Each structure stands twice: as C-alpha cells, then as structure tokens.
Amino acid sequence: MHSPLRLGLAVLLLAFAACGSTTPPPTPLPAPPAPLDDHDAFAGTWTLDKERSTAIDPWRHLSVEIAVDGEAVILKRLWRGTREGGTTMDSVRVVPGGPAATAPLEQWPDNRHLGAYLTGDSTQTVTAHWADDGRTLVTEVEVTLSIQQGTKPIRTYTEYRLSPDGDRLDVLQLRSTRPRPVHYVFRRADDAG
C-alpha cells in the first residue's frame, strides 16, 4: 500500500511530465518538529547571543534561567552590568494554562531610555500557555508604570521558542507601547563558550 504523500507526489510528477515543462516541481516542505510533551527541554540557564539579538543597553549581559516543576514553569531573568555596575533579577512561577500569577519587581529592566518607572505597586501579573505543540512558551505580562503624565498599564507579549535540536532559545517580545518587536537569541550556558 502506498502512502497518500507518495501517491500525491507521483501524480504531481506525472502531471509535470505531461505538460512538458522544464521547471522542476516545488520541493516539499520539511516535516515540522515533533510535538514536545516533556517541557524539561526548556530547563537550564540560557545566555544571550549579543551578536544575533536586539541591543540591551545600558545592560551588558542578560541570562534566562528556566526551571520546570510539575506543571509550573519558573522564569528568571538576570540583567547585569549597567554603566553603573548594577544587576537586577525578575522571577515568576506560572502554570501555563492556569490562573494568572503575580510576582514582585525590584525594577523594570526592559526600560531603555523611556522615562518610565515602576509605580508603588511594583508587581507584575503573568499568564502563560504552551503553543506550537509545546515547543513555544507564550507569556503575557502586565505592569503599571509611572510616566510624566501619570501612570500607564503596559502589556508585554513574549514567546520563548525552543529550536528543534534544543540548543537555541529565541525570545520574541511585543509591548503594547512599542511598535517594533524585540528579538533575543539565547544559547545554553554550557554551549555558549
């Protein structure tokens, strides 16, 4: 018995030959990565590949630590080395597909030359879900910032996309106040060299 894909390809080749065209048929798309049922593949420390990422100035280093604890995911971002030499970390434990989680923020490290700062309620509210057959963790973060005109709620949509071989993490980020996305490329810390 022949597979439907092979039969379809054979019909396409016969049709191609019958029309006398010299243009080859299109190359079939590669198979998508297998679904990822074990989210432990995300676990580990990831180091920013600065050459392939959106600039993070005034910060000099960024790493992400991901832990999986049952259904929960713990995300920690460590920003290091501003011109003043400071560091800051934000961390949240969230259950993808579960209720929103709240976590404190000591500062808003995503602030780059904006004049926007945390309000007195220095917390973030985070929801998450899995996408792309478990190969992408999607988060939405809400935080209220203080700006010159008062306060403003900010929403940040982030995708943590794991490569098929598990050695690269692409982080794509859209913010409700920024028209252009941010793209960070991370490598496993033990592979970053």
C-alpha atoms as a PDB file:
ATOM      1  CA  MET A   1       0.000   0.000   0.000  1.00  0.00           C
ATOM      2  CA  HIS A   2       1.345   3.435  -0.937  1.00  0.00           C
ATOM      3  CA  SER A   3       1.154   6.459   1.345  1.00  0.00           C
ATOM      4  CA  PRO A   4      -1.075   9.384   0.253  1.00  0.00           C
ATOM      5  CA  LEU A   5       2.015  11.610   0.157  1.00  0.00           C
ATOM      6  CA  ARG A   6       3.826   9.282  -2.266  1.00  0.00           C
ATOM      7  CA  LEU A   7       0.725   8.946  -4.437  1.00  0.00           C
ATOM      8  CA  GLY A   8       0.283  12.723  -4.483  1.00  0.00           C
ATOM      9  CA  LEU A   9       3.943  13.224  -5.410  1.00  0.00           C
ATOM     10  CA  ALA A  10       3.667  10.614  -8.187  1.00  0.00           C
ATOM     11  CA  VAL A  11       0.560  12.352  -9.607  1.00  0.00           C
ATOM     12  CA  LEU A  12       2.383  15.695  -9.470  1.00  0.00           C
ATOM     13  CA  LEU A  13       5.408  14.249 -11.308  1.00  0.00           C
ATOM     14  CA  LEU A  14       3.176  12.671 -13.976  1.00  0.00           C
ATOM     15  CA  ALA A  15       1.352  15.960 -14.469  1.00  0.00           C
ATOM     16  CA  PHE A  16       4.678  17.758 -14.676  1.00  0.00           C
ATOM     17  CA  ALA A  17       5.957  15.312 -17.296  1.00  0.00           C
ATOM     18  CA  ALA A  18       2.721  15.532 -19.321  1.00  0.00           C
ATOM     19  CA  CYS A  19       2.882  19.319 -19.652  1.00  0.00           C
ATOM     20  CA  GLY A  20       6.464  19.232 -20.948  1.00  0.00           C
ATOM     21  CA  SER A  21       7.643  21.936 -18.569  1.00  0.00           C
ATOM     22  CA  THR A  22      11.344  22.276 -17.813  1.00  0.00           C
ATOM     23  CA  THR A  23      10.690  23.804 -14.412  1.00  0.00           C
ATOM     24  CA  PRO A  24      11.034  21.215 -11.649  1.00  0.00           C
ATOM     25  CA  PRO A  25       8.181  20.750  -9.200  1.00  0.00           C
ATOM     26  CA  PRO A  26       8.444  22.605  -5.881  1.00  0.00           C
ATOM     27  CA  THR A  27      10.430  20.964  -3.121  1.00  0.00           C
ATOM     28  CA  PRO A  28       8.180  19.626  -0.363  1.00  0.00           C
ATOM     29  CA  LEU A  29       8.399  21.470   2.951  1.00  0.00           C
ATOM     30  CA  PRO A  30      10.336  19.722   5.711  1.00  0.00           C
ATOM     31  CA  ALA A  31       8.301  17.965   8.350  1.00  0.00           C
ATOM     32  CA  PRO A  32       7.526  20.149  11.381  1.00  0.00           C
ATOM     33  CA  PRO A  33       9.340  19.308  14.616  1.00  0.00           C
ATOM     34  CA  ALA A  34       7.742  16.613  16.710  1.00  0.00           C
ATOM     35  CA  PRO A  35       5.415  17.752  19.494  1.00  0.00           C
ATOM     36  CA  LEU A  36       7.226  18.411  22.756  1.00  0.00           C
ATOM     37  CA  ASP A  37       5.444  16.681  25.620  1.00  0.00           C
ATOM     38  CA  ASP A  38       8.371  16.940  28.047  1.00  0.00           C
ATOM     39  CA  HIS A  39       8.896  20.627  28.768  1.00  0.00           C
ATOM     40  CA  ASP A  40      12.087  19.833  30.693  1.00  0.00           C
ATOM     41  CA  ALA A  41      13.840  20.525  27.367  1.00  0.00           C
ATOM     42  CA  PHE A  42      13.384  24.239  28.186  1.00  0.00           C
ATOM     43  CA  ALA A  43      15.111  23.838  31.567  1.00  0.00           C
ATOM     44  CA  GLY A  44      18.545  25.299  32.124  1.00  0.00           C
ATOM     45  CA  THR A  45      20.458  28.547  32.023  1.00  0.00           C
ATOM     46  CA  TRP A  46      20.426  30.419  28.733  1.00  0.00           C
ATOM     47  CA  THR A  47      22.966  33.139  27.816  1.00  0.00           C
ATOM     48  CA  LEU A  48      22.262  35.978  25.405  1.00  0.00           C
ATOM     49  CA  ASP A  49      23.965  35.811  21.999  1.00  0.00           C
ATOM     50  CA  LYS A  50      24.522  39.578  21.693  1.00  0.00           C
ATOM     51  CA  GLU A  51      25.535  39.441  18.016  1.00  0.00           C
ATOM     52  CA  ARG A  52      22.191  37.948  16.990  1.00  0.00           C
ATOM     53  CA  SER A  53      19.967  39.867  19.418  1.00  0.00           C
ATOM     54  CA  THR A  54      18.342  43.240  19.809  1.00  0.00           C
ATOM     55  CA  ALA A  55      20.630  45.565  21.788  1.00  0.00           C
ATOM     56  CA  ILE A  56      20.099  45.510  25.566  1.00  0.00           C
ATOM     57  CA  ASP A  57      21.960  48.700  26.502  1.00  0.00           C
ATOM     58  CA  PRO A  58      22.513  50.061  29.076  1.00  0.00           C
ATOM     59  CA  TRP A  59      22.783  46.425  30.276  1.00  0.00           C
ATOM     60  CA  ARG A  60      25.801  44.373  29.260  1.00  0.00           C
ATOM     61  CA  HIS A  61      24.675  40.806  29.997  1.00  0.00           C
ATOM     62  CA  LEU A  62      21.354  39.006  30.105  1.00  0.00           C
ATOM     63  CA  SER A  63      20.678  35.407  31.025  1.00  0.00           C
ATOM     64  CA  VAL A  64      17.462  33.461  31.468  1.00  0.00           C
ATOM     65  CA  GLU A  65      17.084  30.535  33.818  1.00  0.00           C
ATOM     66  CA  ILE A  66      14.128  28.242  33.198  1.00  0.00           C
ATOM     67  CA  ALA A  67      13.033  25.515  35.596  1.00  0.00           C
ATOM     68  CA  VAL A  68      10.109  23.135  35.204  1.00  0.00           C
ATOM     69  CA  ASP A  69       8.405  21.977  38.392  1.00  0.00           C
ATOM     70  CA  GLY A  70       5.496  19.676  37.537  1.00  0.00           C
ATOM     71  CA  GLU A  71       3.106  21.820  35.509  1.00  0.00           C
ATOM     72  CA  ALA A  72       4.713  25.080  36.661  1.00  0.00           C
ATOM     73  CA  VAL A  73       7.460  26.972  34.872  1.00  0.00           C
ATOM     74  CA  ILE A  74       9.838  29.273  36.750  1.00  0.00           C
ATOM     75  CA  LEU A  75      11.342  32.056  34.610  1.00  0.00           C
ATOM     76  CA  LYS A  76      14.240  34.107  35.979  1.00  0.00           C
ATOM     77  CA  ARG A  77      15.907  36.879  34.017  1.00  0.00           C
ATOM     78  CA  LEU A  78      19.218  38.252  35.304  1.00  0.00           C
ATOM     79  CA  TRP A  79      20.336  41.604  33.879  1.00  0.00           C
ATOM     80  CA  ARG A  80      23.943  42.557  34.711  1.00  0.00           C
ATOM     81  CA  GLY A  81      26.463  45.294  34.166  1.00  0.00           C
ATOM     82  CA  THR A  82      24.934  48.661  33.531  1.00  0.00           C
ATOM     83  CA  ARG A  83      27.340  51.538  33.244  1.00  0.00           C
ATOM     84  CA  GLU A  84      26.827  51.924  36.991  1.00  0.00           C
ATOM     85  CA  GLY A  85      27.680  48.230  37.501  1.00  0.00           C
ATOM     86  CA  GLY A  86      24.246  47.163  38.806  1.00  0.00           C
ATOM     87  CA  THR A  87      22.337  43.937  38.483  1.00  0.00           C
ATOM     88  CA  THR A  88      18.674  43.110  38.705  1.00  0.00           C
ATOM     89  CA  MET A  89      16.626  39.955  38.537  1.00  0.00           C
ATOM     90  CA  ASP A  90      12.976  39.318  37.931  1.00  0.00           C
ATOM     91  CA  SER A  91      11.399  35.946  38.519  1.00  0.00           C
ATOM     92  CA  VAL A  92       7.959  34.425  38.210  1.00  0.00           C
ATOM     93  CA  ARG A  93       6.429  30.997  38.762  1.00  0.00           C
ATOM     94  CA  VAL A  94       3.483  30.420  36.436  1.00  0.00           C
ATOM     95  CA  VAL A  95       1.384  27.426  35.395  1.00  0.00           C
ATOM     96  CA  PRO A  96       0.785  27.512  31.624  1.00  0.00           C
ATOM     97  CA  GLY A  97      -2.962  27.352  31.051  1.00  0.00           C
ATOM     98  CA  GLY A  98      -3.539  28.101  34.743  1.00  0.00           C
ATOM     99  CA  PRO A  99      -4.512  31.244  36.645  1.00  0.00           C
ATOM    100  CA  ALA A 100      -2.535  34.470  36.465  1.00  0.00           C
ATOM    101  CA  ALA A 101       0.486  34.686  38.753  1.00  0.00           C
ATOM    102  CA  THR A 102       1.821  37.805  40.428  1.00  0.00           C
ATOM    103  CA  ALA A 103       5.434  38.468  41.275  1.00  0.00           C
ATOM    104  CA  PRO A 104       7.341  41.434  42.688  1.00  0.00           C
ATOM    105  CA  LEU A 105       9.693  43.545  40.578  1.00  0.00           C
ATOM    106  CA  GLU A 106      12.646  45.418  42.065  1.00  0.00           C
ATOM    107  CA  GLN A 107      12.916  47.497  38.895  1.00  0.00           C
ATOM    108  CA  TRP A 108      11.753  47.358  35.279  1.00  0.00           C
ATOM    109  CA  PRO A 109      14.885  46.273  33.357  1.00  0.00           C
ATOM    110  CA  ASP A 110      13.103  46.466  29.998  1.00  0.00           C
ATOM    111  CA  ASN A 111      13.099  50.264  30.397  1.00  0.00           C
ATOM    112  CA  ARG A 112      15.523  51.572  27.819  1.00  0.00           C
ATOM    113  CA  HIS A 113      15.727  55.340  27.679  1.00  0.00           C
ATOM    114  CA  LEU A 114      11.958  55.709  28.130  1.00  0.00           C
ATOM    115  CA  GLY A 115      11.489  57.744  31.281  1.00  0.00           C
ATOM    116  CA  ALA A 116       9.026  55.127  32.577  1.00  0.00           C
ATOM    117  CA  TYR A 117       9.425  53.583  36.024  1.00  0.00           C
ATOM    118  CA  LEU A 118       7.639  51.199  38.359  1.00  0.00           C
ATOM    119  CA  THR A 119       4.832  52.599  40.464  1.00  0.00           C
ATOM    120  CA  GLY A 120       4.448  51.970  44.189  1.00  0.00           C
ATOM    121  CA  ASP A 121       2.734  48.634  43.320  1.00  0.00           C
ATOM    122  CA  SER A 122       5.911  47.048  41.946  1.00  0.00           C
ATOM    123  CA  THR A 123       4.300  43.786  40.834  1.00  0.00           C
ATOM    124  CA  GLN A 124       3.815  42.037  37.527  1.00  0.00           C
ATOM    125  CA  THR A 125       0.825  39.880  36.601  1.00  0.00           C
ATOM    126  CA  VAL A 126       1.728  36.965  34.321  1.00  0.00           C
ATOM    127  CA  THR A 127      -0.284  34.424  32.335  1.00  0.00           C
ATOM    128  CA  ALA A 128       1.181  31.678  30.156  1.00  0.00           C
ATOM    129  CA  HIS A 129       0.257  28.897  27.770  1.00  0.00           C
ATOM    130  CA  TRP A 130       2.015  26.396  25.524  1.00  0.00           C
ATOM    131  CA  ALA A 131       1.854  26.796  21.718  1.00  0.00           C
ATOM    132  CA  ASP A 132       3.287  25.078  18.643  1.00  0.00           C
ATOM    133  CA  ASP A 133       2.821  21.565  20.037  1.00  0.00           C
ATOM    134  CA  GLY A 134       4.636  22.515  23.256  1.00  0.00           C
ATOM    135  CA  ARG A 135       7.735  23.979  21.551  1.00  0.00           C
ATOM    136  CA  THR A 136       6.812  27.590  22.442  1.00  0.00           C
ATOM    137  CA  LEU A 137       6.018  29.053  25.846  1.00  0.00           C
ATOM    138  CA  VAL A 138       3.876  32.183  25.497  1.00  0.00           C
ATOM    139  CA  THR A 139       3.616  34.690  28.345  1.00  0.00           C
ATOM    140  CA  GLU A 140       1.697  37.919  28.791  1.00  0.00           C
ATOM    141  CA  VAL A 141       2.906  40.304  31.475  1.00  0.00           C
ATOM    142  CA  GLU A 142       1.015  43.318  32.774  1.00  0.00           C
ATOM    143  CA  VAL A 143       2.679  46.012  34.841  1.00  0.00           C
ATOM    144  CA  THR A 144       1.750  49.598  35.678  1.00  0.00           C
ATOM    145  CA  LEU A 145       4.421  52.219  35.090  1.00  0.00           C
ATOM    146  CA  SER A 146       4.843  55.779  36.219  1.00  0.00           C
ATOM    147  CA  ILE A 147       5.354  58.235  33.369  1.00  0.00           C
ATOM    148  CA  GLN A 148       5.470  62.020  33.237  1.00  0.00           C
ATOM    149  CA  GLN A 149       1.712  62.229  32.567  1.00  0.00           C
ATOM    150  CA  GLY A 150       0.730  59.852  35.405  1.00  0.00           C
ATOM    151  CA  THR A 151       0.528  56.059  35.287  1.00  0.00           C
ATOM    152  CA  LYS A 152       0.160  53.725  32.342  1.00  0.00           C
ATOM    153  CA  PRO A 153      -0.570  49.993  32.202  1.00  0.00           C
ATOM    154  CA  ILE A 154       1.856  48.124  29.924  1.00  0.00           C
ATOM    155  CA  ARG A 155       1.254  44.692  28.419  1.00  0.00           C
ATOM    156  CA  THR A 156       4.160  42.590  27.095  1.00  0.00           C
ATOM    157  CA  TYR A 157       3.593  39.501  24.941  1.00  0.00           C
ATOM    158  CA  THR A 158       6.603  37.136  24.820  1.00  0.00           C
ATOM    159  CA  GLU A 159       7.264  33.871  23.008  1.00  0.00           C
ATOM    160  CA  TYR A 160      10.047  31.571  24.201  1.00  0.00           C
ATOM    161  CA  ARG A 161      10.683  29.345  21.141  1.00  0.00           C
ATOM    162  CA  LEU A 162      12.861  26.274  21.582  1.00  0.00           C
ATOM    163  CA  SER A 163      14.804  25.131  18.495  1.00  0.00           C
ATOM    164  CA  PRO A 164      14.182  21.569  17.249  1.00  0.00           C
ATOM    165  CA  ASP A 165      17.622  20.461  18.493  1.00  0.00           C
ATOM    166  CA  GLY A 166      17.081  22.180  21.866  1.00  0.00           C
ATOM    167  CA  ASP A 167      20.275  24.273  21.831  1.00  0.00           C
ATOM    168  CA  ARG A 168      18.792  27.674  20.949  1.00  0.00           C
ATOM    169  CA  LEU A 169      16.028  29.718  22.554  1.00  0.00           C
ATOM    170  CA  ASP A 170      14.536  32.547  20.512  1.00  0.00           C
ATOM    171  CA  VAL A 171      12.639  35.091  22.593  1.00  0.00           C
ATOM    172  CA  LEU A 172      10.288  37.360  20.667  1.00  0.00           C
ATOM    173  CA  GLN A 173       8.701  40.224  22.548  1.00  0.00           C
ATOM    174  CA  LEU A 174       5.977  42.720  21.675  1.00  0.00           C
ATOM    175  CA  ARG A 175       4.982  45.509  24.029  1.00  0.00           C
ATOM    176  CA  SER A 176       1.742  47.475  23.907  1.00  0.00           C
ATOM    177  CA  THR A 177       3.729  50.737  23.794  1.00  0.00           C
ATOM    178  CA  ARG A 178       6.378  49.756  21.252  1.00  0.00           C
ATOM    179  CA  PRO A 179       5.681  49.298  17.516  1.00  0.00           C
ATOM    180  CA  ARG A 180       8.731  47.107  16.821  1.00  0.00           C
ATOM    181  CA  PRO A 181       9.331  43.635  18.254  1.00  0.00           C
ATOM    182  CA  VAL A 182      12.424  42.707  20.240  1.00  0.00           C
ATOM    183  CA  HIS A 183      14.278  39.502  19.333  1.00  0.00           C
ATOM    184  CA  TYR A 184      16.724  37.885  21.712  1.00  0.00           C
ATOM    185  CA  VAL A 185      18.711  34.759  20.830  1.00  0.00           C
ATOM    186  CA  PHE A 186      19.938  32.619  23.712  1.00  0.00           C
ATOM    187  CA  ARG A 187      22.274  29.613  23.820  1.00  0.00           C
ATOM    188  CA  ARG A 188      22.523  27.100  26.620  1.00  0.00           C
ATOM    189  CA  ALA A 189      25.081  28.428  29.111  1.00  0.00           C
ATOM    190  CA  ASP A 190      27.241  25.312  28.831  1.00  0.00           C
ATOM    191  CA  ASP A 191      27.182  25.702  24.988  1.00  0.00           C
ATOM    192  CA  ALA A 192      27.760  29.481  24.913  1.00  0.00           C
ATOM    193  CA  GLY A 193      31.521  29.090  25.087  1.00  0.00           C
END
